[in-house]
């Protein structure tokens, strides 16, 4: 017969505790992400009326510093077009519809 032990398993901590970010750093990064999204959203809202007629439910990759955008039916292709022109710059991807959301919850 197998006997059960009352010994609890050891709890483990973080693998790399030195890489834990402070709450201030996390808040700073979140604020930067929100500001980046707002810049991209403003460009998207400006372009939406003219693009919605011909490209409904397509994808648009927006690069906010230059104001350039790349439209394609496929999400990966739109993102690839943006990366080809702006290699080391982050872009934001929207869907050309009423909400601009690219995925589902």
PDB file of N, CA and C in Angstrom:
ATOM      1  N   UNK A   1       0.816  -1.177   0.000  1.00  0.00           N
ATOM      2  CA  UNK A   1       0.000   0.000   0.000  1.00  0.00           C
ATOM      3  C   UNK A   1       0.866   1.250   0.000  1.00  0.00           C
ATOM      4  N   UNK A   2       0.371   2.274  -0.653  1.00  0.00           N
ATOM      5  CA  UNK A   2       1.098   3.526  -0.726  1.00  0.00           C
ATOM      6  C   UNK A   2       0.687   4.408   0.444  1.00  0.00           C
ATOM      7  N   UNK A   3       1.669   5.004   1.102  1.00  0.00           N
ATOM      8  CA  UNK A   3       1.358   5.900   2.206  1.00  0.00           C
ATOM      9  C   UNK A   3       1.425   7.345   1.727  1.00  0.00           C
ATOM     10  N   UNK A   4       0.495   8.127   2.207  1.00  0.00           N
ATOM     11  CA  UNK A   4       0.475   9.537   1.872  1.00  0.00           C
ATOM     12  C   UNK A   4       1.334  10.301   2.868  1.00  0.00           C
ATOM     13  N   UNK A   5       2.074  11.236   2.385  1.00  0.00           N
ATOM     14  CA  UNK A   5       2.888  12.050   3.281  1.00  0.00           C
ATOM     15  C   UNK A   5       2.187  13.373   3.529  1.00  0.00           C
ATOM     16  N   UNK A   6       2.416  13.942   4.672  1.00  0.00           N
ATOM     17  CA  UNK A   6       1.798  15.227   4.994  1.00  0.00           C
ATOM     18  C   UNK A   6       2.703  16.392   4.598  1.00  0.00           C
ATOM     19  N   UNK A   7       3.793  16.087   3.950  1.00  0.00           N
ATOM     20  CA  UNK A   7       4.745  17.120   3.557  1.00  0.00           C
ATOM     21  C   UNK A   7       4.205  17.885   2.354  1.00  0.00           C
ATOM     22  N   UNK A   8       4.113  19.214   2.478  1.00  0.00           N
ATOM     23  CA  UNK A   8       3.629  20.069   1.404  1.00  0.00           C
ATOM     24  C   UNK A   8       4.741  20.297   0.379  1.00  0.00           C
ATOM     25  N   UNK A   9       4.406  20.421  -0.908  1.00  0.00           N
ATOM     26  CA  UNK A   9       5.446  20.708  -1.904  1.00  0.00           C
ATOM     27  C   UNK A   9       6.010  22.117  -1.695  1.00  0.00           C
ATOM     28  N   UNK A  10       7.270  22.270  -2.021  1.00  0.00           N
ATOM     29  CA  UNK A  10       7.921  23.571  -1.872  1.00  0.00           C
ATOM     30  C   UNK A  10       7.329  24.561  -2.845  1.00  0.00           C
ATOM     31  N   UNK A  11       7.110  25.768  -2.385  1.00  0.00           N
ATOM     32  CA  UNK A  11       6.652  26.825  -3.283  1.00  0.00           C
ATOM     33  C   UNK A  11       7.873  27.474  -3.887  1.00  0.00           C
ATOM     34  N   UNK A  12       7.775  27.754  -5.141  1.00  0.00           N
ATOM     35  CA  UNK A  12       8.905  28.335  -5.834  1.00  0.00           C
ATOM     36  C   UNK A  12       8.658  29.801  -6.112  1.00  0.00           C
ATOM     37  N   UNK A  13       9.724  30.553  -6.206  1.00  0.00           N
ATOM     38  CA  UNK A  13       9.621  31.969  -6.515  1.00  0.00           C
ATOM     39  C   UNK A  13       9.817  32.212  -8.000  1.00  0.00           C
ATOM     40  N   UNK A  14      10.041  33.443  -8.337  1.00  0.00           N
ATOM     41  CA  UNK A  14      10.292  33.804  -9.725  1.00  0.00           C
ATOM     42  C   UNK A  14      11.602  33.202 -10.185  1.00  0.00           C
ATOM     43  N   UNK A  15      11.683  32.895 -11.442  1.00  0.00           N
ATOM     44  CA  UNK A  15      12.905  32.324 -11.993  1.00  0.00           C
ATOM     45  C   UNK A  15      14.017  33.361 -12.001  1.00  0.00           C
ATOM     46  N   UNK A  16      13.694  34.570 -12.428  1.00  0.00           N
ATOM     47  CA  UNK A  16      14.673  35.657 -12.473  1.00  0.00           C
ATOM     48  C   UNK A  16      14.135  36.833 -11.658  1.00  0.00           C
ATOM     49  N   UNK A  17      14.288  36.818 -10.343  1.00  0.00           N
ATOM     50  CA  UNK A  17      13.724  37.905  -9.540  1.00  0.00           C
ATOM     51  C   UNK A  17      14.359  39.264  -9.828  1.00  0.00           C
ATOM     52  N   UNK A  18      15.573  39.284 -10.365  1.00  0.00           N
ATOM     53  CA  UNK A  18      16.216  40.559 -10.675  1.00  0.00           C
ATOM     54  C   UNK A  18      15.570  41.243 -11.874  1.00  0.00           C
ATOM     55  N   UNK A  19      14.760  40.533 -12.641  1.00  0.00           N
ATOM     56  CA  UNK A  19      14.092  41.109 -13.798  1.00  0.00           C
ATOM     57  C   UNK A  19      12.682  41.609 -13.482  1.00  0.00           C
ATOM     58  N   UNK A  20      12.290  41.583 -12.231  1.00  0.00           N
ATOM     59  CA  UNK A  20      10.979  42.066 -11.836  1.00  0.00           C
ATOM     60  C   UNK A  20      10.950  43.589 -11.943  1.00  0.00           C
ATOM     61  N   UNK A  21       9.923  44.107 -12.586  1.00  0.00           N
ATOM     62  CA  UNK A  21       9.803  45.555 -12.770  1.00  0.00           C
ATOM     63  C   UNK A  21       9.067  46.183 -11.595  1.00  0.00           C
ATOM     64  N   UNK A  22       9.465  47.382 -11.276  1.00  0.00           N
ATOM     65  CA  UNK A  22       8.807  48.110 -10.196  1.00  0.00           C
ATOM     66  C   UNK A  22       7.434  48.588 -10.669  1.00  0.00           C
ATOM     67  N   UNK A  23       6.531  48.866  -9.739  1.00  0.00           N
ATOM     68  CA  UNK A  23       5.215  49.390 -10.134  1.00  0.00           C
ATOM     69  C   UNK A  23       5.316  50.705 -10.909  1.00  0.00           C
ATOM     70  N   UNK A  24       6.313  51.524 -10.593  1.00  0.00           N
ATOM     71  CA  UNK A  24       6.490  52.786 -11.314  1.00  0.00           C
ATOM     72  C   UNK A  24       6.865  52.539 -12.768  1.00  0.00           C
ATOM     73  N   UNK A  25       7.770  51.569 -12.982  1.00  0.00           N
ATOM     74  CA  UNK A  25       8.185  51.235 -14.346  1.00  0.00           C
ATOM     75  C   UNK A  25       7.022  50.640 -15.136  1.00  0.00           C
ATOM     76  N   UNK A  26       6.226  49.793 -14.486  1.00  0.00           N
ATOM     77  CA  UNK A  26       5.056  49.215 -15.153  1.00  0.00           C
ATOM     78  C   UNK A  26       4.058  50.313 -15.535  1.00  0.00           C
ATOM     79  N   UNK A  27       3.831  51.271 -14.648  1.00  0.00           N
ATOM     80  CA  UNK A  27       2.910  52.371 -14.942  1.00  0.00           C
ATOM     81  C   UNK A  27       3.445  53.236 -16.080  1.00  0.00           C
ATOM     82  N   UNK A  28       4.749  53.460 -16.096  1.00  0.00           N
ATOM     83  CA  UNK A  28       5.366  54.260 -17.162  1.00  0.00           C
ATOM     84  C   UNK A  28       5.191  53.576 -18.517  1.00  0.00           C
ATOM     85  N   UNK A  29       5.450  52.269 -18.555  1.00  0.00           N
ATOM     86  CA  UNK A  29       5.300  51.526 -19.818  1.00  0.00           C
ATOM     87  C   UNK A  29       3.849  51.498 -20.288  1.00  0.00           C
ATOM     88  N   UNK A  30       2.918  51.368 -19.369  1.00  0.00           N
ATOM     89  CA  UNK A  30       1.501  51.369 -19.728  1.00  0.00           C
ATOM     90  C   UNK A  30       1.099  52.732 -20.290  1.00  0.00           C
ATOM     91  N   UNK A  31       1.601  53.804 -19.699  1.00  0.00           N
ATOM     92  CA  UNK A  31       1.294  55.151 -20.190  1.00  0.00           C
ATOM     93  C   UNK A  31       1.870  55.353 -21.592  1.00  0.00           C
ATOM     94  N   UNK A  32       3.076  54.838 -21.844  1.00  0.00           N
ATOM     95  CA  UNK A  32       3.673  54.942 -23.177  1.00  0.00           C
ATOM     96  C   UNK A  32       2.856  54.167 -24.200  1.00  0.00           C
ATOM     97  N   UNK A  33       2.390  52.963 -23.824  1.00  0.00           N
ATOM     98  CA  UNK A  33       1.551  52.168 -24.729  1.00  0.00           C
ATOM     99  C   UNK A  33       0.242  52.884 -25.032  1.00  0.00           C
ATOM    100  N   UNK A  34      -0.366  53.485 -24.009  1.00  0.00           N
ATOM    101  CA  UNK A  34      -1.631  54.195 -24.211  1.00  0.00           C
ATOM    102  C   UNK A  34      -1.437  55.416 -25.113  1.00  0.00           C
ATOM    103  N   UNK A  35      -0.343  56.135 -24.938  1.00  0.00           N
ATOM    104  CA  UNK A  35      -0.069  57.304 -25.782  1.00  0.00           C
ATOM    105  C   UNK A  35       0.174  56.877 -27.232  1.00  0.00           C
ATOM    106  N   UNK A  36       0.901  55.783 -27.421  1.00  0.00           N
ATOM    107  CA  UNK A  36       1.156  55.258 -28.771  1.00  0.00           C
ATOM    108  C   UNK A  36      -0.159  54.866 -29.434  1.00  0.00           C
ATOM    109  N   UNK A  37      -1.018  54.178 -28.686  1.00  0.00           N
ATOM    110  CA  UNK A  37      -2.311  53.769 -29.224  1.00  0.00           C
ATOM    111  C   UNK A  37      -3.149  54.973 -29.603  1.00  0.00           C
ATOM    112  N   UNK A  38      -3.145  56.016 -28.798  1.00  0.00           N
ATOM    113  CA  UNK A  38      -3.929  57.212 -29.101  1.00  0.00           C
ATOM    114  C   UNK A  38      -3.449  57.893 -30.383  1.00  0.00           C
ATOM    115  N   UNK A  39      -2.135  57.933 -30.595  1.00  0.00           N
ATOM    116  CA  UNK A  39      -1.601  58.524 -31.828  1.00  0.00           C
ATOM    117  C   UNK A  39      -2.039  57.715 -33.045  1.00  0.00           C
ATOM    118  N   UNK A  40      -1.978  56.397 -32.942  1.00  0.00           N
ATOM    119  CA  UNK A  40      -2.404  55.535 -34.051  1.00  0.00           C
ATOM    120  C   UNK A  40      -3.913  55.624 -34.261  1.00  0.00           C
ATOM    121  N   UNK A  41      -4.673  55.684 -33.170  1.00  0.00           N
ATOM    122  CA  UNK A  41      -6.131  55.744 -33.253  1.00  0.00           C
ATOM    123  C   UNK A  41      -6.589  57.021 -33.960  1.00  0.00           C
ATOM    124  N   UNK A  42      -5.905  58.131 -33.724  1.00  0.00           N
ATOM    125  CA  UNK A  42      -6.273  59.395 -34.372  1.00  0.00           C
ATOM    126  C   UNK A  42      -6.100  59.289 -35.892  1.00  0.00           C
ATOM    127  N   UNK A  43      -5.024  58.666 -36.334  1.00  0.00           N
ATOM    128  CA  UNK A  43      -4.805  58.471 -37.780  1.00  0.00           C
ATOM    129  C   UNK A  43      -5.860  57.534 -38.339  1.00  0.00           C
ATOM    130  N   UNK A  44      -6.152  56.450 -37.619  1.00  0.00           N
ATOM    131  CA  UNK A  44      -7.157  55.480 -38.052  1.00  0.00           C
ATOM    132  C   UNK A  44      -8.523  56.138 -38.189  1.00  0.00           C
ATOM    133  N   UNK A  45      -8.922  56.950 -37.213  1.00  0.00           N
ATOM    134  CA  UNK A  45     -10.228  57.614 -37.264  1.00  0.00           C
ATOM    135  C   UNK A  45     -10.313  58.609 -38.424  1.00  0.00           C
ATOM    136  N   UNK A  46      -9.203  59.259 -38.745  1.00  0.00           N
ATOM    137  CA  UNK A  46      -9.188  60.197 -39.860  1.00  0.00           C
ATOM    138  C   UNK A  46      -9.368  59.470 -41.193  1.00  0.00           C
ATOM    139  N   UNK A  47      -8.775  58.273 -41.328  1.00  0.00           N
ATOM    140  CA  UNK A  47      -8.828  57.514 -42.581  1.00  0.00           C
ATOM    141  C   UNK A  47     -10.067  56.640 -42.719  1.00  0.00           C
ATOM    142  N   UNK A  48     -10.715  56.340 -41.621  1.00  0.00           N
ATOM    143  CA  UNK A  48     -11.800  55.360 -41.606  1.00  0.00           C
ATOM    144  C   UNK A  48     -12.928  55.654 -42.599  1.00  0.00           C
ATOM    145  N   UNK A  49     -13.471  56.863 -42.688  1.00  0.00           N
ATOM    146  CA  UNK A  49     -14.600  57.068 -43.607  1.00  0.00           C
ATOM    147  C   UNK A  49     -14.280  56.749 -45.067  1.00  0.00           C
ATOM    148  N   UNK A  50     -13.117  57.134 -45.535  1.00  0.00           N
ATOM    149  CA  UNK A  50     -12.798  56.873 -46.944  1.00  0.00           C
ATOM    150  C   UNK A  50     -12.420  55.412 -47.190  1.00  0.00           C
ATOM    151  N   UNK A  51     -11.811  54.745 -46.218  1.00  0.00           N
ATOM    152  CA  UNK A  51     -11.402  53.355 -46.412  1.00  0.00           C
ATOM    153  C   UNK A  51     -12.544  52.369 -46.201  1.00  0.00           C
ATOM    154  N   UNK A  52     -13.536  52.735 -45.403  1.00  0.00           N
ATOM    155  CA  UNK A  52     -14.604  51.802 -45.066  1.00  0.00           C
ATOM    156  C   UNK A  52     -15.454  51.435 -46.279  1.00  0.00           C
ATOM    157  N   UNK A  53     -15.554  52.330 -47.241  1.00  0.00           N
ATOM    158  CA  UNK A  53     -16.369  52.051 -48.420  1.00  0.00           C
ATOM    159  C   UNK A  53     -15.773  50.935 -49.273  1.00  0.00           C
ATOM    160  N   UNK A  54     -14.461  50.978 -49.492  1.00  0.00           N
ATOM    161  CA  UNK A  54     -13.834  50.023 -50.403  1.00  0.00           C
ATOM    162  C   UNK A  54     -13.148  48.851 -49.705  1.00  0.00           C
ATOM    163  N   UNK A  55     -12.773  49.017 -48.441  1.00  0.00           N
ATOM    164  CA  UNK A  55     -11.955  48.007 -47.762  1.00  0.00           C
ATOM    165  C   UNK A  55     -12.579  47.531 -46.462  1.00  0.00           C
ATOM    166  N   UNK A  56     -13.874  47.358 -46.421  1.00  0.00           N
ATOM    167  CA  UNK A  56     -14.537  46.935 -45.187  1.00  0.00           C
ATOM    168  C   UNK A  56     -14.028  45.562 -44.748  1.00  0.00           C
ATOM    169  N   UNK A  57     -13.674  45.447 -43.472  1.00  0.00           N
ATOM    170  CA  UNK A  57     -13.141  44.239 -42.828  1.00  0.00           C
ATOM    171  C   UNK A  57     -11.752  43.853 -43.311  1.00  0.00           C
ATOM    172  N   UNK A  58     -11.044  44.744 -43.963  1.00  0.00           N
ATOM    173  CA  UNK A  58      -9.636  44.530 -44.265  1.00  0.00           C
ATOM    174  C   UNK A  58      -8.830  45.013 -43.069  1.00  0.00           C
ATOM    175  N   UNK A  59      -7.530  44.898 -43.142  1.00  0.00           N
ATOM    176  CA  UNK A  59      -6.659  45.314 -42.044  1.00  0.00           C
ATOM    177  C   UNK A  59      -5.818  46.509 -42.464  1.00  0.00           C
ATOM    178  N   UNK A  60      -5.508  47.358 -41.484  1.00  0.00           N
ATOM    179  CA  UNK A  60      -4.678  48.526 -41.736  1.00  0.00           C
ATOM    180  C   UNK A  60      -3.597  48.578 -40.662  1.00  0.00           C
ATOM    181  N   UNK A  61      -2.351  48.675 -41.108  1.00  0.00           N
ATOM    182  CA  UNK A  61      -1.212  48.844 -40.204  1.00  0.00           C
ATOM    183  C   UNK A  61      -0.823  50.313 -40.241  1.00  0.00           C
ATOM    184  N   UNK A  62      -0.814  50.962 -39.084  1.00  0.00           N
ATOM    185  CA  UNK A  62      -0.564  52.396 -38.991  1.00  0.00           C
ATOM    186  C   UNK A  62       0.784  52.640 -38.323  1.00  0.00           C
ATOM    187  N   UNK A  63       1.592  53.497 -38.950  1.00  0.00           N
ATOM    188  CA  UNK A  63       2.866  53.936 -38.371  1.00  0.00           C
ATOM    189  C   UNK A  63       2.669  55.395 -37.985  1.00  0.00           C
ATOM    190  N   UNK A  64       2.597  55.723 -36.685  1.00  0.00           N
ATOM    191  CA  UNK A  64       2.148  57.049 -36.277  1.00  0.00           C
ATOM    192  C   UNK A  64       3.142  58.184 -36.502  1.00  0.00           C
ATOM    193  N   UNK A  65       4.442  57.917 -36.523  1.00  0.00           N
ATOM    194  CA  UNK A  65       5.413  59.004 -36.664  1.00  0.00           C
ATOM    195  C   UNK A  65       5.363  59.636 -38.053  1.00  0.00           C
ATOM    196  N   UNK A  66       5.230  58.798 -39.082  1.00  0.00           N
ATOM    197  CA  UNK A  66       5.180  59.329 -40.448  1.00  0.00           C
ATOM    198  C   UNK A  66       3.740  59.521 -40.930  1.00  0.00           C
ATOM    199  N   UNK A  67       2.794  58.823 -40.297  1.00  0.00           N
ATOM    200  CA  UNK A  67       1.406  58.886 -40.736  1.00  0.00           C
ATOM    201  C   UNK A  67       1.100  57.915 -41.861  1.00  0.00           C
ATOM    202  N   UNK A  68       2.072  57.077 -42.226  1.00  0.00           N
ATOM    203  CA  UNK A  68       1.853  56.086 -43.288  1.00  0.00           C
ATOM    204  C   UNK A  68       0.962  54.964 -42.786  1.00  0.00           C
ATOM    205  N   UNK A  69       0.272  54.349 -43.732  1.00  0.00           N
ATOM    206  CA  UNK A  69      -0.562  53.202 -43.400  1.00  0.00           C
ATOM    207  C   UNK A  69      -0.511  52.210 -44.550  1.00  0.00           C
ATOM    208  N   UNK A  70      -0.771  50.950 -44.231  1.00  0.00           N
ATOM    209  CA  UNK A  70      -0.698  49.856 -45.195  1.00  0.00           C
ATOM    210  C   UNK A  70      -1.955  49.017 -45.040  1.00  0.00           C
ATOM    211  N   UNK A  71      -2.673  48.820 -46.150  1.00  0.00           N
ATOM    212  CA  UNK A  71      -3.957  48.132 -46.137  1.00  0.00           C
ATOM    213  C   UNK A  71      -3.835  46.815 -46.888  1.00  0.00           C
ATOM    214  N   UNK A  72      -4.404  45.760 -46.325  1.00  0.00           N
ATOM    215  CA  UNK A  72      -4.454  44.474 -47.006  1.00  0.00           C
ATOM    216  C   UNK A  72      -5.586  43.638 -46.410  1.00  0.00           C
ATOM    217  N   UNK A  73      -6.034  42.646 -47.200  1.00  0.00           N
ATOM    218  CA  UNK A  73      -7.078  41.750 -46.728  1.00  0.00           C
ATOM    219  C   UNK A  73      -6.575  40.819 -45.642  1.00  0.00           C
ATOM    220  N   UNK A  74      -5.285  40.526 -45.659  1.00  0.00           N
ATOM    221  CA  UNK A  74      -4.681  39.598 -44.708  1.00  0.00           C
ATOM    222  C   UNK A  74      -3.913  40.385 -43.644  1.00  0.00           C
ATOM    223  N   UNK A  75      -4.104  40.036 -42.393  1.00  0.00           N
ATOM    224  CA  UNK A  75      -3.464  40.723 -41.288  1.00  0.00           C
ATOM    225  C   UNK A  75      -1.940  40.627 -41.364  1.00  0.00           C
ATOM    226  N   UNK A  76      -1.433  39.448 -41.664  1.00  0.00           N
ATOM    227  CA  UNK A  76       0.014  39.254 -41.726  1.00  0.00           C
ATOM    228  C   UNK A  76       0.650  40.038 -42.868  1.00  0.00           C
ATOM    229  N   UNK A  77      -0.040  40.120 -43.987  1.00  0.00           N
ATOM    230  CA  UNK A  77       0.501  40.845 -45.140  1.00  0.00           C
ATOM    231  C   UNK A  77       0.548  42.347 -44.862  1.00  0.00           C
ATOM    232  N   UNK A  78      -0.490  42.889 -44.238  1.00  0.00           N
ATOM    233  CA  UNK A  78      -0.492  44.314 -43.891  1.00  0.00           C
ATOM    234  C   UNK A  78       0.641  44.629 -42.926  1.00  0.00           C
ATOM    235  N   UNK A  79       0.837  43.754 -41.955  1.00  0.00           N
ATOM    236  CA  UNK A  79       1.919  43.944 -40.997  1.00  0.00           C
ATOM    237  C   UNK A  79       3.285  43.801 -41.666  1.00  0.00           C
ATOM    238  N   UNK A  80       3.393  42.866 -42.589  1.00  0.00           N
ATOM    239  CA  UNK A  80       4.660  42.660 -43.305  1.00  0.00           C
ATOM    240  C   UNK A  80       5.006  43.872 -44.166  1.00  0.00           C
ATOM    241  N   UNK A  81       4.008  44.468 -44.810  1.00  0.00           N
ATOM    242  CA  UNK A  81       4.249  45.667 -45.615  1.00  0.00           C
ATOM    243  C   UNK A  81       4.809  46.795 -44.746  1.00  0.00           C
ATOM    244  N   UNK A  82       4.242  46.955 -43.560  1.00  0.00           N
ATOM    245  CA  UNK A  82       4.715  48.004 -42.649  1.00  0.00           C
ATOM    246  C   UNK A  82       6.143  47.720 -42.197  1.00  0.00           C
ATOM    247  N   UNK A  83       6.449  46.445 -41.903  1.00  0.00           N
ATOM    248  CA  UNK A  83       7.804  46.089 -41.460  1.00  0.00           C
ATOM    249  C   UNK A  83       8.827  46.217 -42.568  1.00  0.00           C
ATOM    250  N   UNK A  84       8.411  46.015 -43.830  1.00  0.00           N
ATOM    251  CA  UNK A  84       9.360  46.153 -44.937  1.00  0.00           C
ATOM    252  C   UNK A  84       9.795  47.597 -45.115  1.00  0.00           C
ATOM    253  N   UNK A  85       8.860  48.522 -44.978  1.00  0.00           N
ATOM    254  CA  UNK A  85       9.204  49.929 -45.166  1.00  0.00           C
ATOM    255  C   UNK A  85       9.856  50.523 -43.920  1.00  0.00           C
ATOM    256  N   UNK A  86       9.347  50.165 -42.740  1.00  0.00           N
ATOM    257  CA  UNK A  86       9.872  50.677 -41.475  1.00  0.00           C
ATOM    258  C   UNK A  86      10.337  49.491 -40.634  1.00  0.00           C
ATOM    259  N   UNK A  87      11.565  49.073 -40.839  1.00  0.00           N
ATOM    260  CA  UNK A  87      12.084  47.870 -40.194  1.00  0.00           C
ATOM    261  C   UNK A  87      12.089  47.897 -38.677  1.00  0.00           C
ATOM    262  N   UNK A  88      12.554  48.969 -38.087  1.00  0.00           N
ATOM    263  CA  UNK A  88      12.755  48.993 -36.646  1.00  0.00           C
ATOM    264  C   UNK A  88      11.753  49.897 -35.930  1.00  0.00           C
ATOM    265  N   UNK A  89      10.592  50.073 -36.533  1.00  0.00           N
ATOM    266  CA  UNK A  89       9.570  50.931 -35.950  1.00  0.00           C
ATOM    267  C   UNK A  89       8.336  50.089 -35.665  1.00  0.00           C
ATOM    268  N   UNK A  90       7.733  50.335 -34.524  1.00  0.00           N
ATOM    269  CA  UNK A  90       6.525  49.600 -34.145  1.00  0.00           C
ATOM    270  C   UNK A  90       5.320  50.225 -34.838  1.00  0.00           C
ATOM    271  N   UNK A  91       4.424  49.396 -35.320  1.00  0.00           N
ATOM    272  CA  UNK A  91       3.187  49.873 -35.934  1.00  0.00           C
ATOM    273  C   UNK A  91       2.007  49.273 -35.178  1.00  0.00           C
ATOM    274  N   UNK A  92       0.822  49.788 -35.436  1.00  0.00           N
ATOM    275  CA  UNK A  92      -0.383  49.307 -34.771  1.00  0.00           C
ATOM    276  C   UNK A  92      -1.343  48.800 -35.837  1.00  0.00           C
ATOM    277  N   UNK A  93      -1.993  47.691 -35.570  1.00  0.00           N
ATOM    278  CA  UNK A  93      -2.869  47.053 -36.540  1.00  0.00           C
ATOM    279  C   UNK A  93      -4.325  47.219 -36.115  1.00  0.00           C
ATOM    280  N   UNK A  94      -5.154  47.688 -37.039  1.00  0.00           N
ATOM    281  CA  UNK A  94      -6.591  47.830 -36.816  1.00  0.00           C
ATOM    282  C   UNK A  94      -7.323  47.078 -37.917  1.00  0.00           C
ATOM    283  N   UNK A  95      -8.588  46.794 -37.660  1.00  0.00           N
ATOM    284  CA  UNK A  95      -9.460  46.251 -38.696  1.00  0.00           C
ATOM    285  C   UNK A  95     -10.371  47.369 -39.151  1.00  0.00           C
ATOM    286  N   UNK A  96     -10.573  47.474 -40.442  1.00  0.00           N
ATOM    287  CA  UNK A  96     -11.387  48.563 -40.994  1.00  0.00           C
ATOM    288  C   UNK A  96     -12.862  48.175 -40.860  1.00  0.00           C
ATOM    289  N   UNK A  97     -13.421  48.510 -39.712  1.00  0.00           N
ATOM    290  CA  UNK A  97     -14.846  48.324 -39.449  1.00  0.00           C
ATOM    291  C   UNK A  97     -15.276  49.343 -38.403  1.00  0.00           C
ATOM    292  N   UNK A  98     -16.441  49.194 -37.844  1.00  0.00           N
ATOM    293  CA  UNK A  98     -16.965  50.182 -36.906  1.00  0.00           C
ATOM    294  C   UNK A  98     -16.146  50.269 -35.627  1.00  0.00           C
ATOM    295  N   UNK A  99     -15.567  49.168 -35.188  1.00  0.00           N
ATOM    296  CA  UNK A  99     -14.869  49.143 -33.897  1.00  0.00           C
ATOM    297  C   UNK A  99     -13.343  49.230 -34.041  1.00  0.00           C
ATOM    298  N   UNK A 100     -12.790  48.734 -35.124  1.00  0.00           N
ATOM    299  CA  UNK A 100     -11.349  48.720 -35.314  1.00  0.00           C
ATOM    300  C   UNK A 100     -10.662  47.553 -34.644  1.00  0.00           C
ATOM    301  N   UNK A 101     -11.418  46.657 -34.041  1.00  0.00           N
ATOM    302  CA  UNK A 101     -10.855  45.529 -33.309  1.00  0.00           C
ATOM    303  C   UNK A 101     -10.443  44.434 -34.284  1.00  0.00           C
ATOM    304  N   UNK A 102      -9.261  43.845 -34.061  1.00  0.00           N
ATOM    305  CA  UNK A 102      -8.751  42.833 -34.977  1.00  0.00           C
ATOM    306  C   UNK A 102      -9.048  41.410 -34.542  1.00  0.00           C
ATOM    307  N   UNK A 103      -9.362  41.157 -33.300  1.00  0.00           N
ATOM    308  CA  UNK A 103      -9.565  39.790 -32.829  1.00  0.00           C
ATOM    309  C   UNK A 103     -10.869  39.638 -32.073  1.00  0.00           C
ATOM    310  N   UNK A 104     -11.032  38.475 -31.469  1.00  0.00           N
ATOM    311  CA  UNK A 104     -12.219  38.194 -30.673  1.00  0.00           C
ATOM    312  C   UNK A 104     -11.811  37.903 -29.241  1.00  0.00           C
ATOM    313  N   UNK A 105     -12.744  38.138 -28.351  1.00  0.00           N
ATOM    314  CA  UNK A 105     -12.518  37.789 -26.948  1.00  0.00           C
ATOM    315  C   UNK A 105     -13.282  36.534 -26.641  1.00  0.00           C
TER     316      UNK A 105
END
